[in-house]
Amino acid sequence: MDQRRAAGADAERRAAQALERGGLRIVERNVRFRGGEIDLVCRDGEAWVFVEVKARRPGWDVGAAAAVSWQKQRRLVQLAQLYLKSRGLRDARCRFDVVEVTLGDGALRHLVSAFDASSR
């Protein structure tokens, strides 16, 4: 595994641990579909939570959440729809969170409802 992938896997592991400590239940990790991948699928009560994990080096000018462009948001919404459909989940409440992980110091920032499916 190359260094970048290893850093990404570590960031996802840290994010999952932090989300679990915060009360979310991790349902699946790295769910792949033809159009891309959902980093983490979680449950928060009755809501399905689709999480994008972004890792950045310290001193990066732009926050990791800013790297989730509107195109990426649209793709994540489409992937979430595929996920729900493939699991037979109709009329499920869902939200889209972003977890920023700073490499090196491991600082985390959880952005709840970072974007909305209806605006995509």
PDB file of N, CA and C in Angstrom:
ATOM      1  N   MET A   1       0.869  -1.182   0.000  1.00  0.00           N
ATOM      2  CA  MET A   1       0.000   0.000   0.000  1.00  0.00           C
ATOM      3  C   MET A   1       0.906   1.234   0.000  1.00  0.00           C
ATOM      4  N   ASP A   2       0.625   2.160  -0.894  1.00  0.00           N
ATOM      5  CA  ASP A   2       1.467   3.352  -0.934  1.00  0.00           C
ATOM      6  C   ASP A   2       1.174   4.274   0.249  1.00  0.00           C
ATOM      7  N   GLN A   3       2.045   5.249   0.430  1.00  0.00           N
ATOM      8  CA  GLN A   3       1.962   6.124   1.607  1.00  0.00           C
ATOM      9  C   GLN A   3       0.653   6.909   1.654  1.00  0.00           C
ATOM     10  N   ARG A   4       0.193   7.367   0.517  1.00  0.00           N
ATOM     11  CA  ARG A   4      -1.052   8.150   0.474  1.00  0.00           C
ATOM     12  C   ARG A   4      -2.260   7.297   0.884  1.00  0.00           C
ATOM     13  N   ARG A   5      -2.302   6.076   0.357  1.00  0.00           N
ATOM     14  CA  ARG A   5      -3.414   5.178   0.716  1.00  0.00           C
ATOM     15  C   ARG A   5      -3.370   4.818   2.190  1.00  0.00           C
ATOM     16  N   ALA A   6      -2.164   4.589   2.696  1.00  0.00           N
ATOM     17  CA  ALA A   6      -2.015   4.252   4.117  1.00  0.00           C
ATOM     18  C   ALA A   6      -2.497   5.404   4.989  1.00  0.00           C
ATOM     19  N   ALA A   7      -2.164   6.637   4.600  1.00  0.00           N
ATOM     20  CA  ALA A   7      -2.612   7.813   5.359  1.00  0.00           C
ATOM     21  C   ALA A   7      -4.135   7.934   5.302  1.00  0.00           C
ATOM     22  N   GLY A   8      -4.714   7.668   4.130  1.00  0.00           N
ATOM     23  CA  GLY A   8      -6.166   7.721   3.996  1.00  0.00           C
ATOM     24  C   GLY A   8      -6.863   6.665   4.831  1.00  0.00           C
ATOM     25  N   ALA A   9      -6.314   5.456   4.834  1.00  0.00           N
ATOM     26  CA  ALA A   9      -6.893   4.376   5.637  1.00  0.00           C
ATOM     27  C   ALA A   9      -6.806   4.704   7.124  1.00  0.00           C
ATOM     28  N   ASP A  10      -5.684   5.289   7.544  1.00  0.00           N
ATOM     29  CA  ASP A  10      -5.538   5.679   8.948  1.00  0.00           C
ATOM     30  C   ASP A  10      -6.541   6.770   9.313  1.00  0.00           C
ATOM     31  N   ALA A  11      -6.729   7.742   8.409  1.00  0.00           N
ATOM     32  CA  ALA A  11      -7.692   8.816   8.659  1.00  0.00           C
ATOM     33  C   ALA A  11      -9.101   8.251   8.790  1.00  0.00           C
ATOM     34  N   GLU A  12      -9.461   7.297   7.941  1.00  0.00           N
ATOM     35  CA  GLU A  12     -10.795   6.684   8.011  1.00  0.00           C
ATOM     36  C   GLU A  12     -10.963   5.902   9.313  1.00  0.00           C
ATOM     37  N   ARG A  13      -9.924   5.212   9.743  1.00  0.00           N
ATOM     38  CA  ARG A  13      -9.985   4.470  11.000  1.00  0.00           C
ATOM     39  C   ARG A  13     -10.191   5.431  12.173  1.00  0.00           C
ATOM     40  N   ARG A  14      -9.442   6.528  12.191  1.00  0.00           N
ATOM     41  CA  ARG A  14      -9.582   7.524  13.263  1.00  0.00           C
ATOM     42  C   ARG A  14     -10.967   8.156  13.244  1.00  0.00           C
ATOM     43  N   ALA A  15     -11.448   8.463  12.047  1.00  0.00           N
ATOM     44  CA  ALA A  15     -12.778   9.058  11.919  1.00  0.00           C
ATOM     45  C   ALA A  15     -13.844   8.102  12.454  1.00  0.00           C
ATOM     46  N   ALA A  16     -13.751   6.833  12.090  1.00  0.00           N
ATOM     47  CA  ALA A  16     -14.728   5.844  12.549  1.00  0.00           C
ATOM     48  C   ALA A  16     -14.715   5.738  14.073  1.00  0.00           C
ATOM     49  N   GLN A  17     -13.535   5.719  14.661  1.00  0.00           N
ATOM     50  CA  GLN A  17     -13.440   5.643  16.121  1.00  0.00           C
ATOM     51  C   GLN A  17     -14.086   6.868  16.775  1.00  0.00           C
ATOM     52  N   ALA A  18     -13.819   8.043  16.227  1.00  0.00           N
ATOM     53  CA  ALA A  18     -14.378   9.272  16.787  1.00  0.00           C
ATOM     54  C   ALA A  18     -15.903   9.289  16.650  1.00  0.00           C
ATOM     55  N   LEU A  19     -16.409   8.847  15.521  1.00  0.00           N
ATOM     56  CA  LEU A  19     -17.857   8.817  15.313  1.00  0.00           C
ATOM     57  C   LEU A  19     -18.516   7.841  16.292  1.00  0.00           C
ATOM     58  N   GLU A  20     -17.896   6.687  16.488  1.00  0.00           N
ATOM     59  CA  GLU A  20     -18.446   5.724  17.451  1.00  0.00           C
ATOM     60  C   GLU A  20     -18.445   6.295  18.863  1.00  0.00           C
ATOM     61  N   ARG A  21     -17.375   6.983  19.230  1.00  0.00           N
ATOM     62  CA  ARG A  21     -17.340   7.622  20.557  1.00  0.00           C
ATOM     63  C   ARG A  21     -18.431   8.681  20.672  1.00  0.00           C
ATOM     64  N   GLY A  22     -18.789   9.288  19.547  1.00  0.00           N
ATOM     65  CA  GLY A  22     -19.824  10.303  19.527  1.00  0.00           C
ATOM     66  C   GLY A  22     -21.237   9.739  19.454  1.00  0.00           C
ATOM     67  N   GLY A  23     -21.362   8.414  19.427  1.00  0.00           N
ATOM     68  CA  GLY A  23     -22.687   7.804  19.467  1.00  0.00           C
ATOM     69  C   GLY A  23     -23.202   7.250  18.156  1.00  0.00           C
ATOM     70  N   LEU A  24     -22.469   7.399  17.067  1.00  0.00           N
ATOM     71  CA  LEU A  24     -22.907   6.820  15.803  1.00  0.00           C
ATOM     72  C   LEU A  24     -22.485   5.363  15.752  1.00  0.00           C
ATOM     73  N   ARG A  25     -23.232   4.573  15.005  1.00  0.00           N
ATOM     74  CA  ARG A  25     -22.887   3.170  14.804  1.00  0.00           C
ATOM     75  C   ARG A  25     -22.386   3.005  13.378  1.00  0.00           C
ATOM     76  N   ILE A  26     -21.195   2.465  13.234  1.00  0.00           N
ATOM     77  CA  ILE A  26     -20.631   2.219  11.914  1.00  0.00           C
ATOM     78  C   ILE A  26     -21.302   0.977  11.344  1.00  0.00           C
ATOM     79  N   VAL A  27     -21.923   1.115  10.175  1.00  0.00           N
ATOM     80  CA  VAL A  27     -22.615   0.007   9.534  1.00  0.00           C
ATOM     81  C   VAL A  27     -21.696  -0.649   8.497  1.00  0.00           C
ATOM     82  N   GLU A  28     -21.053   0.173   7.678  1.00  0.00           N
ATOM     83  CA  GLU A  28     -20.153  -0.347   6.645  1.00  0.00           C
ATOM     84  C   GLU A  28     -19.059   0.680   6.369  1.00  0.00           C
ATOM     85  N   ARG A  29     -17.947   0.166   5.840  1.00  0.00           N
ATOM     86  CA  ARG A  29     -16.821   1.016   5.457  1.00  0.00           C
ATOM     87  C   ARG A  29     -16.477   0.753   4.001  1.00  0.00           C
ATOM     88  N   ASN A  30     -16.043   1.800   3.331  1.00  0.00           N
ATOM     89  CA  ASN A  30     -15.557   1.689   1.953  1.00  0.00           C
ATOM     90  C   ASN A  30     -16.513   0.917   1.053  1.00  0.00           C
ATOM     91  N   VAL A  31     -17.742   1.398   0.967  1.00  0.00           N
ATOM     92  CA  VAL A  31     -18.758   0.776   0.132  1.00  0.00           C
ATOM     93  C   VAL A  31     -18.546   1.263  -1.301  1.00  0.00           C
ATOM     94  N   ARG A  32     -18.255   0.306  -2.187  1.00  0.00           N
ATOM     95  CA  ARG A  32     -17.924   0.656  -3.576  1.00  0.00           C
ATOM     96  C   ARG A  32     -19.091   0.370  -4.514  1.00  0.00           C
ATOM     97  N   PHE A  33     -19.318   1.338  -5.385  1.00  0.00           N
ATOM     98  CA  PHE A  33     -20.253   1.195  -6.482  1.00  0.00           C
ATOM     99  C   PHE A  33     -19.512   1.618  -7.742  1.00  0.00           C
ATOM    100  N   ARG A  34     -20.111   1.391  -8.867  1.00  0.00           N
ATOM    101  CA  ARG A  34     -19.480   1.743 -10.130  1.00  0.00           C
ATOM    102  C   ARG A  34     -19.069   3.219 -10.161  1.00  0.00           C
ATOM    103  N   GLY A  35     -19.865   4.091  -9.586  1.00  0.00           N
ATOM    104  CA  GLY A  35     -19.603   5.526  -9.648  1.00  0.00           C
ATOM    105  C   GLY A  35     -18.693   6.069  -8.565  1.00  0.00           C
ATOM    106  N   GLY A  36     -18.228   5.210  -7.650  1.00  0.00           N
ATOM    107  CA  GLY A  36     -17.351   5.713  -6.598  1.00  0.00           C
ATOM    108  C   GLY A  36     -17.490   4.927  -5.313  1.00  0.00           C
ATOM    109  N   GLU A  37     -17.068   5.550  -4.238  1.00  0.00           N
ATOM    110  CA  GLU A  37     -17.026   4.880  -2.943  1.00  0.00           C
ATOM    111  C   GLU A  37     -17.569   5.785  -1.846  1.00  0.00           C
ATOM    112  N   ILE A  38     -18.293   5.177  -0.924  1.00  0.00           N
ATOM    113  CA  ILE A  38     -18.739   5.868   0.288  1.00  0.00           C
ATOM    114  C   ILE A  38     -17.768   5.441   1.384  1.00  0.00           C
ATOM    115  N   ASP A  39     -17.109   6.412   2.020  1.00  0.00           N
ATOM    116  CA  ASP A  39     -16.107   6.083   3.030  1.00  0.00           C
ATOM    117  C   ASP A  39     -16.709   5.344   4.212  1.00  0.00           C
ATOM    118  N   LEU A  40     -17.735   5.929   4.821  1.00  0.00           N
ATOM    119  CA  LEU A  40     -18.370   5.330   5.991  1.00  0.00           C
ATOM    120  C   LEU A  40     -19.884   5.469   5.886  1.00  0.00           C
ATOM    121  N   VAL A  41     -20.578   4.397   6.207  1.00  0.00           N
ATOM    122  CA  VAL A  41     -22.035   4.427   6.313  1.00  0.00           C
ATOM    123  C   VAL A  41     -22.339   4.165   7.784  1.00  0.00           C
ATOM    124  N   CYS A  42     -23.081   5.083   8.388  1.00  0.00           N
ATOM    125  CA  CYS A  42     -23.354   5.002   9.830  1.00  0.00           C
ATOM    126  C   CYS A  42     -24.849   5.138  10.088  1.00  0.00           C
ATOM    127  N   ARG A  43     -25.210   4.860  11.328  1.00  0.00           N
ATOM    128  CA  ARG A  43     -26.564   5.130  11.809  1.00  0.00           C
ATOM    129  C   ARG A  43     -26.464   6.059  12.997  1.00  0.00           C
ATOM    130  N   ASP A  44     -27.324   7.048  13.000  1.00  0.00           N
ATOM    131  CA  ASP A  44     -27.468   7.958  14.135  1.00  0.00           C
ATOM    132  C   ASP A  44     -28.944   7.945  14.479  1.00  0.00           C
ATOM    133  N   GLY A  45     -29.317   7.069  15.397  1.00  0.00           N
ATOM    134  CA  GLY A  45     -30.740   6.870  15.675  1.00  0.00           C
ATOM    135  C   GLY A  45     -31.390   6.271  14.446  1.00  0.00           C
ATOM    136  N   GLU A  46     -32.422   6.923  13.941  1.00  0.00           N
ATOM    137  CA  GLU A  46     -33.130   6.441  12.761  1.00  0.00           C
ATOM    138  C   GLU A  46     -32.501   6.919  11.453  1.00  0.00           C
ATOM    139  N   ALA A  47     -31.566   7.845  11.531  1.00  0.00           N
ATOM    140  CA  ALA A  47     -30.982   8.439  10.318  1.00  0.00           C
ATOM    141  C   ALA A  47     -29.801   7.627   9.809  1.00  0.00           C
ATOM    142  N   TRP A  48     -29.733   7.490   8.499  1.00  0.00           N
ATOM    143  CA  TRP A  48     -28.570   6.925   7.831  1.00  0.00           C
ATOM    144  C   TRP A  48     -27.615   8.076   7.580  1.00  0.00           C
ATOM    145  N   VAL A  49     -26.362   7.896   7.916  1.00  0.00           N
ATOM    146  CA  VAL A  49     -25.369   8.962   7.782  1.00  0.00           C
ATOM    147  C   VAL A  49     -24.280   8.481   6.829  1.00  0.00           C
ATOM    148  N   PHE A  50     -24.081   9.243   5.760  1.00  0.00           N
ATOM    149  CA  PHE A  50     -23.053   8.942   4.771  1.00  0.00           C
ATOM    150  C   PHE A  50     -21.912   9.924   5.002  1.00  0.00           C
ATOM    151  N   VAL A  51     -20.728   9.375   5.285  1.00  0.00           N
ATOM    152  CA  VAL A  51     -19.611  10.198   5.739  1.00  0.00           C
ATOM    153  C   VAL A  51     -18.484  10.182   4.726  1.00  0.00           C
ATOM    154  N   GLU A  52     -18.038  11.364   4.367  1.00  0.00           N
ATOM    155  CA  GLU A  52     -16.840  11.544   3.550  1.00  0.00           C
ATOM    156  C   GLU A  52     -15.710  11.941   4.491  1.00  0.00           C
ATOM    157  N   VAL A  53     -14.614  11.200   4.442  1.00  0.00           N
ATOM    158  CA  VAL A  53     -13.453  11.490   5.285  1.00  0.00           C
ATOM    159  C   VAL A  53     -12.405  12.166   4.417  1.00  0.00           C
ATOM    160  N   LYS A  54     -11.927  13.309   4.883  1.00  0.00           N
ATOM    161  CA  LYS A  54     -10.897  14.058   4.164  1.00  0.00           C
ATOM    162  C   LYS A  54      -9.702  14.252   5.074  1.00  0.00           C
ATOM    163  N   ALA A  55      -8.539  13.866   4.574  1.00  0.00           N
ATOM    164  CA  ALA A  55      -7.296  14.007   5.339  1.00  0.00           C
ATOM    165  C   ALA A  55      -6.427  15.070   4.677  1.00  0.00           C
ATOM    166  N   ARG A  56      -5.790  15.869   5.509  1.00  0.00           N
ATOM    167  CA  ARG A  56      -4.908  16.922   5.020  1.00  0.00           C
ATOM    168  C   ARG A  56      -3.681  17.009   5.906  1.00  0.00           C
ATOM    169  N   ARG A  57      -2.610  17.487   5.315  1.00  0.00           N
ATOM    170  CA  ARG A  57      -1.391  17.726   6.088  1.00  0.00           C
ATOM    171  C   ARG A  57      -1.533  19.031   6.863  1.00  0.00           C
ATOM    172  N   PRO A  58      -0.833  19.163   7.982  1.00  0.00           N
ATOM    173  CA  PRO A  58      -0.874  20.428   8.733  1.00  0.00           C
ATOM    174  C   PRO A  58      -0.410  21.586   7.836  1.00  0.00           C
ATOM    175  N   GLY A  59      -1.047  22.738   8.001  1.00  0.00           N
ATOM    176  CA  GLY A  59      -0.670  23.915   7.234  1.00  0.00           C
ATOM    177  C   GLY A  59      -1.323  24.024   5.871  1.00  0.00           C
ATOM    178  N   TRP A  60      -2.146  23.044   5.509  1.00  0.00           N
ATOM    179  CA  TRP A  60      -2.863  23.099   4.242  1.00  0.00           C
ATOM    180  C   TRP A  60      -3.768  24.326   4.277  1.00  0.00           C
ATOM    181  N   ASP A  61      -3.739  25.133   3.240  1.00  0.00           N
ATOM    182  CA  ASP A  61      -4.463  26.406   3.242  1.00  0.00           C
ATOM    183  C   ASP A  61      -5.975  26.245   3.347  1.00  0.00           C
ATOM    184  N   VAL A  62      -6.505  25.267   2.675  1.00  0.00           N
ATOM    185  CA  VAL A  62      -7.954  25.098   2.615  1.00  0.00           C
ATOM    186  C   VAL A  62      -8.345  23.912   3.496  1.00  0.00           C
ATOM    187  N   GLY A  63      -9.401  24.098   4.280  1.00  0.00           N
ATOM    188  CA  GLY A  63      -9.887  23.003   5.106  1.00  0.00           C
ATOM    189  C   GLY A  63     -10.305  21.817   4.265  1.00  0.00           C
ATOM    190  N   ALA A  64     -10.222  20.652   4.834  1.00  0.00           N
ATOM    191  CA  ALA A  64     -10.534  19.427   4.101  1.00  0.00           C
ATOM    192  C   ALA A  64     -11.969  19.418   3.585  1.00  0.00           C
ATOM    193  N   ALA A  65     -12.885  19.988   4.341  1.00  0.00           N
ATOM    194  CA  ALA A  65     -14.290  19.995   3.909  1.00  0.00           C
ATOM    195  C   ALA A  65     -14.470  20.780   2.618  1.00  0.00           C
ATOM    196  N   ALA A  66     -13.627  21.770   2.397  1.00  0.00           N
ATOM    197  CA  ALA A  66     -13.708  22.552   1.161  1.00  0.00           C
ATOM    198  C   ALA A  66     -13.346  21.706  -0.050  1.00  0.00           C
ATOM    199  N   ALA A  67     -12.656  20.592   0.171  1.00  0.00           N
ATOM    200  CA  ALA A  67     -12.298  19.690  -0.925  1.00  0.00           C
ATOM    201  C   ALA A  67     -13.496  18.876  -1.409  1.00  0.00           C
ATOM    202  N   VAL A  68     -14.605  18.958  -0.697  1.00  0.00           N
ATOM    203  CA  VAL A  68     -15.814  18.244  -1.117  1.00  0.00           C
ATOM    204  C   VAL A  68     -16.611  19.209  -2.003  1.00  0.00           C
ATOM    205  N   SER A  69     -16.216  19.247  -3.266  1.00  0.00           N
ATOM    206  CA  SER A  69     -16.825  20.151  -4.243  1.00  0.00           C
ATOM    207  C   SER A  69     -18.290  19.790  -4.476  1.00  0.00           C
ATOM    208  N   TRP A  70     -18.997  20.647  -5.170  1.00  0.00           N
ATOM    209  CA  TRP A  70     -20.405  20.355  -5.446  1.00  0.00           C
ATOM    210  C   TRP A  70     -20.520  19.109  -6.323  1.00  0.00           C
ATOM    211  N   GLN A  71     -19.521  18.872  -7.191  1.00  0.00           N
ATOM    212  CA  GLN A  71     -19.543  17.665  -8.016  1.00  0.00           C
ATOM    213  C   GLN A  71     -19.408  16.418  -7.131  1.00  0.00           C
ATOM    214  N   LYS A  72     -18.497  16.483  -6.165  1.00  0.00           N
ATOM    215  CA  LYS A  72     -18.305  15.367  -5.240  1.00  0.00           C
ATOM    216  C   LYS A  72     -19.553  15.181  -4.376  1.00  0.00           C
ATOM    217  N   GLN A  73     -20.156  16.283  -3.955  1.00  0.00           N
ATOM    218  CA  GLN A  73     -21.386  16.197  -3.171  1.00  0.00           C
ATOM    219  C   GLN A  73     -22.475  15.494  -3.976  1.00  0.00           C
ATOM    220  N   ARG A  74     -22.623  15.886  -5.227  1.00  0.00           N
ATOM    221  CA  ARG A  74     -23.641  15.275  -6.088  1.00  0.00           C
ATOM    222  C   ARG A  74     -23.376  13.774  -6.251  1.00  0.00           C
ATOM    223  N   ARG A  75     -22.113  13.412  -6.442  1.00  0.00           N
ATOM    224  CA  ARG A  75     -21.756  12.004  -6.588  1.00  0.00           C
ATOM    225  C   ARG A  75     -22.061  11.230  -5.297  1.00  0.00           C
ATOM    226  N   LEU A  76     -21.763  11.830  -4.135  1.00  0.00           N
ATOM    227  CA  LEU A  76     -22.057  11.163  -2.861  1.00  0.00           C
ATOM    228  C   LEU A  76     -23.557  10.964  -2.658  1.00  0.00           C
ATOM    229  N   VAL A  77     -24.335  11.941  -3.053  1.00  0.00           N
ATOM    230  CA  VAL A  77     -25.794  11.802  -2.960  1.00  0.00           C
ATOM    231  C   VAL A  77     -26.258  10.652  -3.853  1.00  0.00           C
ATOM    232  N   GLN A  78     -25.726  10.575  -5.068  1.00  0.00           N
ATOM    233  CA  GLN A  78     -26.103   9.491  -5.980  1.00  0.00           C
ATOM    234  C   GLN A  78     -25.682   8.127  -5.418  1.00  0.00           C
ATOM    235  N   LEU A  79     -24.483   8.064  -4.848  1.00  0.00           N
ATOM    236  CA  LEU A  79     -24.019   6.816  -4.244  1.00  0.00           C
ATOM    237  C   LEU A  79     -24.897   6.423  -3.060  1.00  0.00           C
ATOM    238  N   ALA A  80     -25.300   7.404  -2.254  1.00  0.00           N
ATOM    239  CA  ALA A  80     -26.183   7.127  -1.117  1.00  0.00           C
ATOM    240  C   ALA A  80     -27.524   6.582  -1.613  1.00  0.00           C
ATOM    241  N   GLN A  81     -28.042   7.155  -2.695  1.00  0.00           N
ATOM    242  CA  GLN A  81     -29.295   6.664  -3.249  1.00  0.00           C
ATOM    243  C   GLN A  81     -29.153   5.214  -3.714  1.00  0.00           C
ATOM    244  N   LEU A  82     -28.016   4.910  -4.362  1.00  0.00           N
ATOM    245  CA  LEU A  82     -27.743   3.534  -4.777  1.00  0.00           C
ATOM    246  C   LEU A  82     -27.664   2.604  -3.569  1.00  0.00           C
ATOM    247  N   TYR A  83     -27.004   3.070  -2.534  1.00  0.00           N
ATOM    248  CA  TYR A  83     -26.858   2.276  -1.318  1.00  0.00           C
ATOM    249  C   TYR A  83     -28.232   1.950  -0.738  1.00  0.00           C
ATOM    250  N   LEU A  84     -29.043   2.965  -0.554  1.00  0.00           N
ATOM    251  CA  LEU A  84     -30.367   2.764   0.039  1.00  0.00           C
ATOM    252  C   LEU A  84     -31.213   1.833  -0.824  1.00  0.00           C
ATOM    253  N   LYS A  85     -31.176   2.042  -2.116  1.00  0.00           N
ATOM    254  CA  LYS A  85     -31.957   1.197  -3.028  1.00  0.00           C
ATOM    255  C   LYS A  85     -31.462  -0.249  -2.976  1.00  0.00           C
ATOM    256  N   SER A  86     -30.145  -0.437  -2.969  1.00  0.00           N
ATOM    257  CA  SER A  86     -29.587  -1.796  -2.965  1.00  0.00           C
ATOM    258  C   SER A  86     -29.900  -2.542  -1.674  1.00  0.00           C
ATOM    259  N   ARG A  87     -30.185  -1.819  -0.615  1.00  0.00           N
ATOM    260  CA  ARG A  87     -30.510  -2.439   0.677  1.00  0.00           C
ATOM    261  C   ARG A  87     -32.018  -2.487   0.922  1.00  0.00           C
ATOM    262  N   GLY A  88     -32.799  -2.043  -0.062  1.00  0.00           N
ATOM    263  CA  GLY A  88     -34.252  -2.079   0.068  1.00  0.00           C
ATOM    264  C   GLY A  88     -34.800  -1.088   1.083  1.00  0.00           C
ATOM    265  N   LEU A  89     -34.077   0.005   1.272  1.00  0.00           N
ATOM    266  CA  LEU A  89     -34.483   1.018   2.258  1.00  0.00           C
ATOM    267  C   LEU A  89     -35.216   2.142   1.538  1.00  0.00           C
ATOM    268  N   ARG A  90     -36.508   2.237   1.792  1.00  0.00           N
ATOM    269  CA  ARG A  90     -37.315   3.275   1.154  1.00  0.00           C
ATOM    270  C   ARG A  90     -37.662   4.332   2.175  1.00  0.00           C
ATOM    271  N   ASP A  91     -37.725   5.562   1.728  1.00  0.00           N
ATOM    272  CA  ASP A  91     -38.110   6.693   2.578  1.00  0.00           C
ATOM    273  C   ASP A  91     -37.229   6.805   3.822  1.00  0.00           C
ATOM    274  N   ALA A  92     -35.973   6.441   3.675  1.00  0.00           N
ATOM    275  CA  ALA A  92     -35.046   6.515   4.809  1.00  0.00           C
ATOM    276  C   ALA A  92     -34.563   7.948   4.987  1.00  0.00           C
ATOM    277  N   ARG A  93     -34.489   8.369   6.248  1.00  0.00           N
ATOM    278  CA  ARG A  93     -33.897   9.667   6.561  1.00  0.00           C
ATOM    279  C   ARG A  93     -32.390   9.526   6.423  1.00  0.00           C
ATOM    280  N   CYS A  94     -31.769  10.499   5.780  1.00  0.00           N
ATOM    281  CA  CYS A  94     -30.311  10.425   5.676  1.00  0.00           C
ATOM    282  C   CYS A  94     -29.719  11.821   5.745  1.00  0.00           C
ATOM    283  N   ARG A  95     -28.417  11.832   6.039  1.00  0.00           N
ATOM    284  CA  ARG A  95     -27.676  13.087   6.056  1.00  0.00           C
ATOM    285  C   ARG A  95     -26.261  12.807   5.578  1.00  0.00           C
ATOM    286  N   PHE A  96     -25.553  13.889   5.281  1.00  0.00           N
ATOM    287  CA  PHE A  96     -24.210  13.793   4.732  1.00  0.00           C
ATOM    288  C   PHE A  96     -23.256  14.584   5.615  1.00  0.00           C
ATOM    289  N   ASP A  97     -22.336  13.866   6.232  1.00  0.00           N
ATOM    290  CA  ASP A  97     -21.352  14.472   7.124  1.00  0.00           C
ATOM    291  C   ASP A  97     -19.974  14.423   6.469  1.00  0.00           C
ATOM    292  N   VAL A  98     -19.095  15.298   6.928  1.00  0.00           N
ATOM    293  CA  VAL A  98     -17.693  15.282   6.517  1.00  0.00           C
ATOM    294  C   VAL A  98     -16.858  15.254   7.795  1.00  0.00           C
ATOM    295  N   VAL A  99     -15.840  14.401   7.794  1.00  0.00           N
ATOM    296  CA  VAL A  99     -14.884  14.388   8.896  1.00  0.00           C
ATOM    297  C   VAL A  99     -13.538  14.803   8.331  1.00  0.00           C
ATOM    298  N   GLU A 100     -12.992  15.886   8.884  1.00  0.00           N
ATOM    299  CA  GLU A 100     -11.661  16.358   8.516  1.00  0.00           C
ATOM    300  C   GLU A 100     -10.656  15.759   9.482  1.00  0.00           C
ATOM    301  N   VAL A 101      -9.597  15.182   8.973  1.00  0.00           N
ATOM    302  CA  VAL A 101      -8.531  14.639   9.808  1.00  0.00           C
ATOM    303  C   VAL A 101      -7.227  15.304   9.389  1.00  0.00           C
ATOM    304  N   THR A 102      -6.549  15.925  10.343  1.00  0.00           N
ATOM    305  CA  THR A 102      -5.246  16.529  10.070  1.00  0.00           C
ATOM    306  C   THR A 102      -4.183  15.472  10.314  1.00  0.00           C
ATOM    307  N   LEU A 103      -3.437  15.163   9.273  1.00  0.00           N
ATOM    308  CA  LEU A 103      -2.384  14.161   9.394  1.00  0.00           C
ATOM    309  C   LEU A 103      -1.292  14.680  10.315  1.00  0.00           C
ATOM    310  N   GLY A 104      -0.647  13.789  10.965  1.00  0.00           N
ATOM    311  CA  GLY A 104       0.414  14.181  11.890  1.00  0.00           C
ATOM    312  C   GLY A 104      -0.121  14.275  13.297  1.00  0.00           C
ATOM    313  N   ASP A 105      -0.901  15.327  13.568  1.00  0.00           N
ATOM    314  CA  ASP A 105      -1.410  15.486  14.941  1.00  0.00           C
ATOM    315  C   ASP A 105      -2.733  14.758  15.166  1.00  0.00           C
ATOM    316  N   GLY A 106      -3.363  14.301  14.090  1.00  0.00           N
ATOM    317  CA  GLY A 106      -4.592  13.524  14.216  1.00  0.00           C
ATOM    318  C   GLY A 106      -5.808  14.322  14.640  1.00  0.00           C
ATOM    319  N   ALA A 107      -5.720  15.653  14.567  1.00  0.00           N
ATOM    320  CA  ALA A 107      -6.868  16.485  14.941  1.00  0.00           C
ATOM    321  C   ALA A 107      -8.056  16.148  14.034  1.00  0.00           C
ATOM    322  N   LEU A 108      -9.236  16.099  14.636  1.00  0.00           N
ATOM    323  CA  LEU A 108     -10.460  15.758  13.907  1.00  0.00           C
ATOM    324  C   LEU A 108     -11.494  16.848  14.045  1.00  0.00           C
ATOM    325  N   ARG A 109     -12.259  17.018  12.991  1.00  0.00           N
ATOM    326  CA  ARG A 109     -13.390  17.943  13.017  1.00  0.00           C
ATOM    327  C   ARG A 109     -14.546  17.260  12.294  1.00  0.00           C
ATOM    328  N   HIS A 110     -15.655  17.063  13.007  1.00  0.00           N
ATOM    329  CA  HIS A 110     -16.833  16.402  12.452  1.00  0.00           C
ATOM    330  C   HIS A 110     -17.842  17.467  12.061  1.00  0.00           C
ATOM    331  N   LEU A 111     -18.124  17.554  10.780  1.00  0.00           N
ATOM    332  CA  LEU A 111     -19.103  18.513  10.269  1.00  0.00           C
ATOM    333  C   LEU A 111     -20.414  17.764  10.015  1.00  0.00           C
ATOM    334  N   VAL A 112     -21.340  17.922  10.936  1.00  0.00           N
ATOM    335  CA  VAL A 112     -22.639  17.255  10.842  1.00  0.00           C
ATOM    336  C   VAL A 112     -23.478  17.982   9.798  1.00  0.00           C
ATOM    337  N   SER A 113     -24.147  17.215   8.955  1.00  0.00           N
ATOM    338  CA  SER A 113     -24.961  17.786   7.871  1.00  0.00           C
ATOM    339  C   SER A 113     -24.158  18.811   7.076  1.00  0.00           C
ATOM    340  N   ALA A 114     -23.003  18.394   6.614  1.00  0.00           N
ATOM    341  CA  ALA A 114     -22.081  19.279   5.891  1.00  0.00           C
ATOM    342  C   ALA A 114     -22.690  19.804   4.595  1.00  0.00           C
ATOM    343  N   PHE A 115     -23.568  19.019   4.000  1.00  0.00           N
ATOM    344  CA  PHE A 115     -24.294  19.466   2.814  1.00  0.00           C
ATOM    345  C   PHE A 115     -25.617  18.730   2.770  1.00  0.00           C
ATOM    346  N   ASP A 116     -26.511  19.223   1.922  1.00  0.00           N
ATOM    347  CA  ASP A 116     -27.867  18.726   1.877  1.00  0.00           C
ATOM    348  C   ASP A 116     -28.125  18.073   0.518  1.00  0.00           C
ATOM    349  N   ALA A 117     -28.800  16.957   0.509  1.00  0.00           N
ATOM    350  CA  ALA A 117     -29.092  16.243  -0.729  1.00  0.00           C
ATOM    351  C   ALA A 117     -30.015  17.030  -1.650  1.00  0.00           C
ATOM    352  N   SER A 118     -30.901  17.810  -1.106  1.00  0.00           N
ATOM    353  CA  SER A 118     -31.881  18.521  -1.930  1.00  0.00           C
ATOM    354  C   SER A 118     -31.258  19.650  -2.741  1.00  0.00           C
ATOM    355  N   SER A 119     -30.083  20.135  -2.322  1.00  0.00           N
ATOM    356  CA  SER A 119     -29.464  21.227  -3.061  1.00  0.00           C
ATOM    357  C   SER A 119     -28.546  20.719  -4.162  1.00  0.00           C
ATOM    358  N   ARG A 120     -28.451  19.422  -4.328  1.00  0.00           N
ATOM    359  CA  ARG A 120     -27.560  18.854  -5.333  1.00  0.00           C
ATOM    360  C   ARG A 120     -28.371  18.426  -6.505  1.00  0.00           C
TER     361      ARG A 120
END
